[in-house]
């Protein structure tokens, strides 16, 4: 990600953070979790708001980057450092990230699309299979 990209996303996400923190996880982007990752290269904490769905106690997030040909930086952070914290509805919970595959990935992606239809369009924009990540309690 370029410095310009990072600045754009920081500015874009700033009001989402504020709204989510004030409104128990609700923002202009719908319900969001706030994901705390450790940088794969930097070792620094990074925080990002993400749309999600649920599968029991598991939170499901999609590494779409708007249908970009590459995965978002936070995805690489999760793969390198899967033990993370998430803020949901005013609570912070320790979670472990797991990249799903095959039929499980497809079923969870369909569930996410049912809640957030824009993910279907993002998948059509790219040739990569957009990763679906399960955030499981630890």
C-alpha atoms as a PDB file:
ATOM      1  CA  UNK A   1       0.000   0.000   0.000  1.00  0.00           C
ATOM      2  CA  UNK A   2       1.362   3.400  -0.896  1.00  0.00           C
ATOM      3  CA  UNK A   3       1.548   6.280   1.562  1.00  0.00           C
ATOM      4  CA  UNK A   4      -1.222   7.976  -0.432  1.00  0.00           C
ATOM      5  CA  UNK A   5      -3.417   4.864  -0.106  1.00  0.00           C
ATOM      6  CA  UNK A   6      -2.754   4.688   3.631  1.00  0.00           C
ATOM      7  CA  UNK A   7      -3.678   8.343   4.082  1.00  0.00           C
ATOM      8  CA  UNK A   8      -6.875   7.883   2.046  1.00  0.00           C
ATOM      9  CA  UNK A   9      -8.016   4.888   4.113  1.00  0.00           C
ATOM     10  CA  UNK A  10      -7.113   6.553   7.408  1.00  0.00           C
ATOM     11  CA  UNK A  11      -9.246   9.569   6.472  1.00  0.00           C
ATOM     12  CA  UNK A  12     -12.073   7.336   5.175  1.00  0.00           C
ATOM     13  CA  UNK A  13     -12.108   5.198   8.333  1.00  0.00           C
ATOM     14  CA  UNK A  14     -11.826   7.993  10.908  1.00  0.00           C
ATOM     15  CA  UNK A  15     -15.561   8.831  11.082  1.00  0.00           C
ATOM     16  CA  UNK A  16     -16.413   5.113  11.015  1.00  0.00           C
ATOM     17  CA  UNK A  17     -14.293   4.558  14.149  1.00  0.00           C
ATOM     18  CA  UNK A  18     -15.942   7.483  15.905  1.00  0.00           C
ATOM     19  CA  UNK A  19     -19.468   6.367  15.018  1.00  0.00           C
ATOM     20  CA  UNK A  20     -18.816   2.726  15.912  1.00  0.00           C
ATOM     21  CA  UNK A  21     -17.359   3.617  19.283  1.00  0.00           C
ATOM     22  CA  UNK A  22     -20.235   5.979  20.120  1.00  0.00           C
ATOM     23  CA  UNK A  23     -22.986   3.670  18.838  1.00  0.00           C
ATOM     24  CA  UNK A  24     -22.008   0.173  20.048  1.00  0.00           C
ATOM     25  CA  UNK A  25     -20.552  -0.935  16.719  1.00  0.00           C
ATOM     26  CA  UNK A  26     -22.971   0.824  14.373  1.00  0.00           C
ATOM     27  CA  UNK A  27     -21.729   3.261  11.749  1.00  0.00           C
ATOM     28  CA  UNK A  28     -22.607   4.656   8.334  1.00  0.00           C
ATOM     29  CA  UNK A  29     -21.172   1.404   6.967  1.00  0.00           C
ATOM     30  CA  UNK A  30     -23.543  -0.678   9.071  1.00  0.00           C
ATOM     31  CA  UNK A  31     -22.401  -2.848  11.951  1.00  0.00           C
ATOM     32  CA  UNK A  32     -18.624  -3.034  12.165  1.00  0.00           C
ATOM     33  CA  UNK A  33     -16.003  -4.685  14.284  1.00  0.00           C
ATOM     34  CA  UNK A  34     -12.778  -2.898  15.026  1.00  0.00           C
ATOM     35  CA  UNK A  35      -9.899  -5.208  14.245  1.00  0.00           C
ATOM     36  CA  UNK A  36      -6.557  -4.792  16.043  1.00  0.00           C
ATOM     37  CA  UNK A  37      -3.736  -6.472  14.119  1.00  0.00           C
ATOM     38  CA  UNK A  38       0.038  -6.583  14.455  1.00  0.00           C
ATOM     39  CA  UNK A  39       1.866  -5.590  11.279  1.00  0.00           C
ATOM     40  CA  UNK A  40       3.469  -8.501   9.439  1.00  0.00           C
ATOM     41  CA  UNK A  41       6.484  -6.344   8.560  1.00  0.00           C
ATOM     42  CA  UNK A  42       6.408  -3.461  11.034  1.00  0.00           C
ATOM     43  CA  UNK A  43       5.359  -5.270  14.212  1.00  0.00           C
ATOM     44  CA  UNK A  44       3.178  -2.242  15.031  1.00  0.00           C
ATOM     45  CA  UNK A  45      -0.490  -2.327  15.947  1.00  0.00           C
ATOM     46  CA  UNK A  46      -2.929  -1.439  13.170  1.00  0.00           C
ATOM     47  CA  UNK A  47      -6.642  -0.825  13.685  1.00  0.00           C
ATOM     48  CA  UNK A  48      -9.332  -1.099  11.014  1.00  0.00           C
ATOM     49  CA  UNK A  49     -13.148  -1.158  11.021  1.00  0.00           C
ATOM     50  CA  UNK A  50     -14.675  -4.018   9.029  1.00  0.00           C
ATOM     51  CA  UNK A  51     -18.141  -5.183   8.123  1.00  0.00           C
ATOM     52  CA  UNK A  52     -18.826  -8.665   9.438  1.00  0.00           C
ATOM     53  CA  UNK A  53     -21.312 -11.453   9.800  1.00  0.00           C
ATOM     54  CA  UNK A  54     -21.621 -14.082  12.515  1.00  0.00           C
ATOM     55  CA  UNK A  55     -21.511 -17.850  12.546  1.00  0.00           C
ATOM     56  CA  UNK A  56     -22.259 -18.733  16.151  1.00  0.00           C
ATOM     57  CA  UNK A  57     -19.454 -17.281  18.303  1.00  0.00           C
ATOM     58  CA  UNK A  58     -17.289 -16.757  15.219  1.00  0.00           C
ATOM     59  CA  UNK A  59     -17.055 -13.413  13.441  1.00  0.00           C
ATOM     60  CA  UNK A  60     -16.613 -13.546   9.667  1.00  0.00           C
ATOM     61  CA  UNK A  61     -14.729 -10.872   7.716  1.00  0.00           C
ATOM     62  CA  UNK A  62     -13.915 -10.647   4.019  1.00  0.00           C
ATOM     63  CA  UNK A  63     -10.560  -9.456   2.632  1.00  0.00           C
ATOM     64  CA  UNK A  64     -12.048  -7.794  -0.450  1.00  0.00           C
ATOM     65  CA  UNK A  65     -10.188  -4.469  -0.715  1.00  0.00           C
ATOM     66  CA  UNK A  66     -13.072  -3.369  -2.933  1.00  0.00           C
ATOM     67  CA  UNK A  67     -12.329  -6.039  -5.547  1.00  0.00           C
ATOM     68  CA  UNK A  68      -8.681  -5.022  -5.896  1.00  0.00           C
ATOM     69  CA  UNK A  69      -6.341  -7.540  -7.543  1.00  0.00           C
ATOM     70  CA  UNK A  70      -4.440  -7.851  -4.242  1.00  0.00           C
ATOM     71  CA  UNK A  71      -5.331  -8.664  -0.667  1.00  0.00           C
ATOM     72  CA  UNK A  72      -5.512  -5.846   1.905  1.00  0.00           C
ATOM     73  CA  UNK A  73      -2.594  -5.314   4.261  1.00  0.00           C
ATOM     74  CA  UNK A  74      -4.675  -6.348   7.269  1.00  0.00           C
ATOM     75  CA  UNK A  75      -5.102  -9.803   5.682  1.00  0.00           C
ATOM     76  CA  UNK A  76      -1.327 -10.310   5.578  1.00  0.00           C
ATOM     77  CA  UNK A  77      -1.120  -9.104   9.184  1.00  0.00           C
ATOM     78  CA  UNK A  78      -3.678 -11.735  10.257  1.00  0.00           C
ATOM     79  CA  UNK A  79      -1.855 -14.520   8.448  1.00  0.00           C
ATOM     80  CA  UNK A  80       1.469 -13.546  10.077  1.00  0.00           C
ATOM     81  CA  UNK A  81      -0.021 -12.828  13.525  1.00  0.00           C
ATOM     82  CA  UNK A  82      -3.392 -14.584  13.918  1.00  0.00           C
ATOM     83  CA  UNK A  83      -3.892 -13.829  17.635  1.00  0.00           C
ATOM     84  CA  UNK A  84      -5.723 -10.509  17.665  1.00  0.00           C
ATOM     85  CA  UNK A  85      -8.260  -8.419  19.543  1.00  0.00           C
ATOM     86  CA  UNK A  86     -11.552  -7.157  18.156  1.00  0.00           C
ATOM     87  CA  UNK A  87     -13.901  -4.518  19.515  1.00  0.00           C
ATOM     88  CA  UNK A  88     -17.546  -5.449  19.030  1.00  0.00           C
ATOM     89  CA  UNK A  89     -20.413  -3.452  20.463  1.00  0.00           C
ATOM     90  CA  UNK A  90     -18.203  -1.776  23.047  1.00  0.00           C
ATOM     91  CA  UNK A  91     -16.449  -4.977  24.202  1.00  0.00           C
ATOM     92  CA  UNK A  92     -12.894  -6.060  23.394  1.00  0.00           C
ATOM     93  CA  UNK A  93     -12.432  -9.784  22.814  1.00  0.00           C
ATOM     94  CA  UNK A  94      -9.322 -11.891  22.145  1.00  0.00           C
ATOM     95  CA  UNK A  95      -9.705 -13.844  18.901  1.00  0.00           C
ATOM     96  CA  UNK A  96      -7.668 -16.075  16.593  1.00  0.00           C
ATOM     97  CA  UNK A  97      -7.919 -15.528  12.841  1.00  0.00           C
ATOM     98  CA  UNK A  98      -8.205 -18.486  10.485  1.00  0.00           C
ATOM     99  CA  UNK A  99      -8.352 -18.248   6.693  1.00  0.00           C
ATOM    100  CA  UNK A 100     -11.164 -20.500   5.477  1.00  0.00           C
ATOM    101  CA  UNK A 101     -10.953 -22.667   2.361  1.00  0.00           C
ATOM    102  CA  UNK A 102     -13.101 -24.663  -0.056  1.00  0.00           C
ATOM    103  CA  UNK A 103     -16.725 -25.343   0.771  1.00  0.00           C
ATOM    104  CA  UNK A 104     -16.449 -23.615   4.158  1.00  0.00           C
ATOM    105  CA  UNK A 105     -15.113 -20.446   2.511  1.00  0.00           C
ATOM    106  CA  UNK A 106     -17.838 -20.517  -0.121  1.00  0.00           C
ATOM    107  CA  UNK A 107     -20.646 -20.962   2.423  1.00  0.00           C
ATOM    108  CA  UNK A 108     -19.325 -18.178   4.655  1.00  0.00           C
ATOM    109  CA  UNK A 109     -18.819 -15.859   1.684  1.00  0.00           C
ATOM    110  CA  UNK A 110     -22.440 -16.486   0.630  1.00  0.00           C
ATOM    111  CA  UNK A 111     -23.580 -15.653   4.169  1.00  0.00           C
ATOM    112  CA  UNK A 112     -21.585 -12.418   4.104  1.00  0.00           C
ATOM    113  CA  UNK A 113     -23.012 -11.517   0.659  1.00  0.00           C
ATOM    114  CA  UNK A 114     -26.536 -12.086   2.017  1.00  0.00           C
ATOM    115  CA  UNK A 115     -25.835  -9.432   4.664  1.00  0.00           C
ATOM    116  CA  UNK A 116     -23.614  -7.134   2.528  1.00  0.00           C
ATOM    117  CA  UNK A 117     -24.468  -7.579  -1.157  1.00  0.00           C
ATOM    118  CA  UNK A 118     -21.593  -5.382  -2.353  1.00  0.00           C
ATOM    119  CA  UNK A 119     -19.156  -8.274  -1.734  1.00  0.00           C
ATOM    120  CA  UNK A 120     -20.618 -10.131  -4.731  1.00  0.00           C
ATOM    121  CA  UNK A 121     -19.702  -7.177  -6.953  1.00  0.00           C
ATOM    122  CA  UNK A 122     -16.211  -7.029  -5.469  1.00  0.00           C
ATOM    123  CA  UNK A 123     -15.659 -10.717  -6.330  1.00  0.00           C
ATOM    124  CA  UNK A 124     -16.738 -10.059  -9.930  1.00  0.00           C
ATOM    125  CA  UNK A 125     -14.167  -7.241 -10.228  1.00  0.00           C
ATOM    126  CA  UNK A 126     -11.174  -9.478  -9.511  1.00  0.00           C
ATOM    127  CA  UNK A 127      -9.696 -12.762 -10.664  1.00  0.00           C
ATOM    128  CA  UNK A 128      -8.439 -13.667  -7.182  1.00  0.00           C
ATOM    129  CA  UNK A 129     -10.605 -15.666  -4.814  1.00  0.00           C
ATOM    130  CA  UNK A 130     -11.383 -13.152  -2.092  1.00  0.00           C
ATOM    131  CA  UNK A 131     -10.334 -14.626   1.268  1.00  0.00           C
ATOM    132  CA  UNK A 132     -12.872 -15.146   4.021  1.00  0.00           C
ATOM    133  CA  UNK A 133     -11.495 -15.099   7.540  1.00  0.00           C
ATOM    134  CA  UNK A 134     -13.060 -16.687  10.601  1.00  0.00           C
ATOM    135  CA  UNK A 135     -12.306 -14.837  13.846  1.00  0.00           C
ATOM    136  CA  UNK A 136     -12.732 -17.414  16.590  1.00  0.00           C
ATOM    137  CA  UNK A 137     -12.686 -16.866  20.363  1.00  0.00           C
ATOM    138  CA  UNK A 138      -9.457 -17.823  22.104  1.00  0.00           C
END
